[in-house]
Amino acid sequence: MGEWFRFWIGIYHVYISDWLKFTTPDQLLIIRTEDTFKDPKGVMANVFRFLGIRELSDEEMKNIVNLPHENARKSEAKKHRMLPQTKHILNDFYRPHNRLLAKLLKDDKYLWEDHH
C-alpha cells in the first residue's frame, strides 16, 4: 500500500459511515484539526460538554490548551509549502469525498471550501 495509504486516511466519510453502523450520530463528536488550532478553548469546551464533564475554570482550560502538541509537525516541515499544482490535484481528489462527508454529517464546513 505504501504512500497511497496517506490518501486513504483523508477519506473520512468511509470511517464515519462504518462507525454509524454501530452507533447513532449523537454518540460521535467530529472535530476538524483546523478548528482546534483556530479556537482551542472553544473546541475543548465542546469536548467536555459532549463527554458530560464539568465546565473547566479559565485556569484549568489554560493549562490544557497550553500543553505541548504531541503530534505537531516539526518546524522544518512547516518551512516547505505545497506547490499550487499539488494542492489543486489534492483538492480535486478529495472534493467528492468531502461532499459525501458533508452530506453524512449535515454540515458544509466539511467541504473544506474555506481552505482552498
C-alpha atoms as a PDB file:
ATOM      1  CA  MET A   1       0.000   0.000   0.000  1.00  0.00           C
ATOM      2  CA  GLY A   2       2.942   2.340   0.688  1.00  0.00           C
ATOM      3  CA  GLU A   3       2.451   6.050   0.051  1.00  0.00           C
ATOM      4  CA  TRP A   4      -1.093   5.551  -1.281  1.00  0.00           C
ATOM      5  CA  PHE A   5      -2.167   4.830   2.258  1.00  0.00           C
ATOM      6  CA  ARG A   6      -1.744   8.520   3.087  1.00  0.00           C
ATOM      7  CA  PHE A   7      -4.504   9.396   0.603  1.00  0.00           C
ATOM      8  CA  TRP A   8      -6.993   6.967   2.146  1.00  0.00           C
ATOM      9  CA  ILE A   9      -6.522   8.428   5.608  1.00  0.00           C
ATOM     10  CA  GLY A  10      -8.275  11.619   4.459  1.00  0.00           C
ATOM     11  CA  ILE A  11     -11.376   9.874   3.118  1.00  0.00           C
ATOM     12  CA  TYR A  12     -13.213  10.365   6.391  1.00  0.00           C
ATOM     13  CA  HIS A  13     -16.738   9.526   5.261  1.00  0.00           C
ATOM     14  CA  VAL A  14     -15.769   5.861   4.902  1.00  0.00           C
ATOM     15  CA  TYR A  15     -14.640   5.579   8.523  1.00  0.00           C
ATOM     16  CA  ILE A  16     -17.525   7.578   9.946  1.00  0.00           C
ATOM     17  CA  SER A  17     -20.044   5.564   7.915  1.00  0.00           C
ATOM     18  CA  ASP A  18     -18.579   2.425   9.466  1.00  0.00           C
ATOM     19  CA  TRP A  19     -18.967   3.876  12.972  1.00  0.00           C
ATOM     20  CA  LEU A  20     -22.555   4.847  12.220  1.00  0.00           C
ATOM     21  CA  LYS A  21     -23.385   1.207  11.539  1.00  0.00           C
ATOM     22  CA  PHE A  22     -22.886   0.599  15.257  1.00  0.00           C
ATOM     23  CA  THR A  23     -23.903   3.856  16.910  1.00  0.00           C
ATOM     24  CA  THR A  24     -26.002   6.969  16.402  1.00  0.00           C
ATOM     25  CA  PRO A  25     -24.657  10.342  15.216  1.00  0.00           C
ATOM     26  CA  ASP A  26     -25.194  11.915  18.637  1.00  0.00           C
ATOM     27  CA  GLN A  27     -22.629   9.468  20.043  1.00  0.00           C
ATOM     28  CA  LEU A  28     -19.853  10.839  17.801  1.00  0.00           C
ATOM     29  CA  LEU A  29     -18.044  14.147  18.072  1.00  0.00           C
ATOM     30  CA  ILE A  30     -16.179  15.026  14.884  1.00  0.00           C
ATOM     31  CA  ILE A  31     -13.562  17.773  15.207  1.00  0.00           C
ATOM     32  CA  ARG A  32     -11.564  19.370  12.418  1.00  0.00           C
ATOM     33  CA  THR A  33      -7.908  19.952  13.245  1.00  0.00           C
ATOM     34  CA  GLU A  34      -8.042  23.475  11.851  1.00  0.00           C
ATOM     35  CA  ASP A  35     -10.906  24.324  14.213  1.00  0.00           C
ATOM     36  CA  THR A  36      -8.774  23.145  17.129  1.00  0.00           C
ATOM     37  CA  PHE A  37      -5.897  25.396  16.063  1.00  0.00           C
ATOM     38  CA  LYS A  38      -8.253  28.325  15.433  1.00  0.00           C
ATOM     39  CA  ASP A  39     -10.187  28.053  18.714  1.00  0.00           C
ATOM     40  CA  PRO A  40      -8.590  25.538  21.109  1.00  0.00           C
ATOM     41  CA  LYS A  41     -10.560  26.708  24.147  1.00  0.00           C
ATOM     42  CA  GLY A  42     -13.884  26.583  22.316  1.00  0.00           C
ATOM     43  CA  VAL A  43     -13.189  23.134  20.899  1.00  0.00           C
ATOM     44  CA  MET A  44     -12.050  21.781  24.272  1.00  0.00           C
ATOM     45  CA  ALA A  45     -15.133  23.241  25.976  1.00  0.00           C
ATOM     46  CA  ASN A  46     -17.261  21.478  23.347  1.00  0.00           C
ATOM     47  CA  VAL A  47     -15.424  18.189  24.004  1.00  0.00           C
ATOM     48  CA  PHE A  48     -16.037  18.456  27.744  1.00  0.00           C
ATOM     49  CA  ARG A  49     -19.741  19.263  27.179  1.00  0.00           C
ATOM     50  CA  PHE A  50     -20.048  16.328  24.790  1.00  0.00           C
ATOM     51  CA  LEU A  51     -18.483  13.993  27.353  1.00  0.00           C
ATOM     52  CA  GLY A  52     -20.643  15.365  30.156  1.00  0.00           C
ATOM     53  CA  ILE A  53     -17.627  16.631  32.074  1.00  0.00           C
ATOM     54  CA  ARG A  54     -17.951  19.723  34.222  1.00  0.00           C
ATOM     55  CA  GLU A  55     -17.025  23.090  32.775  1.00  0.00           C
ATOM     56  CA  LEU A  56     -13.407  23.945  33.469  1.00  0.00           C
ATOM     57  CA  SER A  57     -12.181  27.100  35.120  1.00  0.00           C
ATOM     58  CA  ASP A  58     -10.230  29.532  32.959  1.00  0.00           C
ATOM     59  CA  GLU A  59      -7.021  28.420  34.688  1.00  0.00           C
ATOM     60  CA  GLU A  60      -7.719  24.721  34.075  1.00  0.00           C
ATOM     61  CA  MET A  61      -8.561  25.380  30.451  1.00  0.00           C
ATOM     62  CA  LYS A  62      -5.422  27.480  30.011  1.00  0.00           C
ATOM     63  CA  ASN A  63      -3.311  24.643  31.424  1.00  0.00           C
ATOM     64  CA  ILE A  64      -4.813  22.185  28.950  1.00  0.00           C
ATOM     65  CA  VAL A  65      -4.592  24.287  25.802  1.00  0.00           C
ATOM     66  CA  ASN A  66      -1.031  25.309  26.607  1.00  0.00           C
ATOM     67  CA  LEU A  67       0.222  21.730  26.797  1.00  0.00           C
ATOM     68  CA  PRO A  68       2.822  20.927  24.132  1.00  0.00           C
ATOM     69  CA  HIS A  69       1.412  19.439  20.943  1.00  0.00           C
ATOM     70  CA  GLU A  70       2.436  15.797  20.823  1.00  0.00           C
ATOM     71  CA  ASN A  71       1.645  15.188  17.171  1.00  0.00           C
ATOM     72  CA  ALA A  72       2.806  18.501  15.741  1.00  0.00           C
ATOM     73  CA  ARG A  73       4.856  18.845  12.590  1.00  0.00           C
ATOM     74  CA  LYS A  74       8.461  19.688  13.145  1.00  0.00           C
ATOM     75  CA  SER A  75       9.377  23.281  12.318  1.00  0.00           C
ATOM     76  CA  GLU A  76      11.481  22.062   9.375  1.00  0.00           C
ATOM     77  CA  ALA A  77       8.400  20.518   7.751  1.00  0.00           C
ATOM     78  CA  LYS A  78       6.457  23.772   8.127  1.00  0.00           C
ATOM     79  CA  LYS A  79       9.037  25.633   6.033  1.00  0.00           C
ATOM     80  CA  HIS A  80       8.109  23.698   2.896  1.00  0.00           C
ATOM     81  CA  ARG A  81       4.969  24.925   1.193  1.00  0.00           C
ATOM     82  CA  MET A  82       2.846  22.790  -1.076  1.00  0.00           C
ATOM     83  CA  LEU A  83       3.060  23.539  -4.769  1.00  0.00           C
ATOM     84  CA  PRO A  84      -0.150  25.110  -6.098  1.00  0.00           C
ATOM     85  CA  GLN A  85      -0.458  22.300  -8.666  1.00  0.00           C
ATOM     86  CA  THR A  86      -0.219  19.685  -5.916  1.00  0.00           C
ATOM     87  CA  LYS A  87      -2.881  21.464  -3.881  1.00  0.00           C
ATOM     88  CA  HIS A  88      -5.142  21.578  -6.935  1.00  0.00           C
ATOM     89  CA  ILE A  89      -4.698  17.824  -7.571  1.00  0.00           C
ATOM     90  CA  LEU A  90      -5.442  17.004  -3.922  1.00  0.00           C
ATOM     91  CA  ASN A  91      -8.489  19.290  -3.850  1.00  0.00           C
ATOM     92  CA  ASP A  92      -9.835  17.571  -6.969  1.00  0.00           C
ATOM     93  CA  PHE A  93      -9.172  14.141  -5.458  1.00  0.00           C
ATOM     94  CA  TYR A  94     -10.835  14.844  -2.102  1.00  0.00           C
ATOM     95  CA  ARG A  95     -13.745  17.022  -3.333  1.00  0.00           C
ATOM     96  CA  PRO A  96     -16.219  14.156  -3.958  1.00  0.00           C
ATOM     97  CA  HIS A  97     -15.252  12.518  -0.677  1.00  0.00           C
ATOM     98  CA  ASN A  98     -15.684  15.787   1.205  1.00  0.00           C
ATOM     99  CA  ARG A  99     -19.126  16.211  -0.366  1.00  0.00           C
ATOM    100  CA  LEU A 100     -20.115  12.787   0.934  1.00  0.00           C
ATOM    101  CA  LEU A 101     -18.744  13.657   4.358  1.00  0.00           C
ATOM    102  CA  ALA A 102     -20.584  16.999   4.498  1.00  0.00           C
ATOM    103  CA  LYS A 103     -23.802  15.264   3.486  1.00  0.00           C
ATOM    104  CA  LEU A 104     -23.279  12.497   6.049  1.00  0.00           C
ATOM    105  CA  LEU A 105     -22.587  14.989   8.857  1.00  0.00           C
ATOM    106  CA  LYS A 106     -25.133  17.533   7.574  1.00  0.00           C
ATOM    107  CA  ASP A 107     -22.533  20.291   7.821  1.00  0.00           C
ATOM    108  CA  ASP A 108     -20.952  22.157   4.899  1.00  0.00           C
ATOM    109  CA  LYS A 109     -17.817  23.020   6.880  1.00  0.00           C
ATOM    110  CA  TYR A 110     -16.645  19.511   5.951  1.00  0.00           C
ATOM    111  CA  LEU A 111     -16.448  20.614   2.324  1.00  0.00           C
ATOM    112  CA  TRP A 112     -13.291  22.464   3.374  1.00  0.00           C
ATOM    113  CA  GLU A 113     -14.078  25.206   0.867  1.00  0.00           C
ATOM    114  CA  ASP A 114     -12.680  27.797   3.271  1.00  0.00           C
ATOM    115  CA  HIS A 115      -9.184  26.302   2.823  1.00  0.00           C
ATOM    116  CA  HIS A 116      -8.786  26.462  -0.946  1.00  0.00           C
END
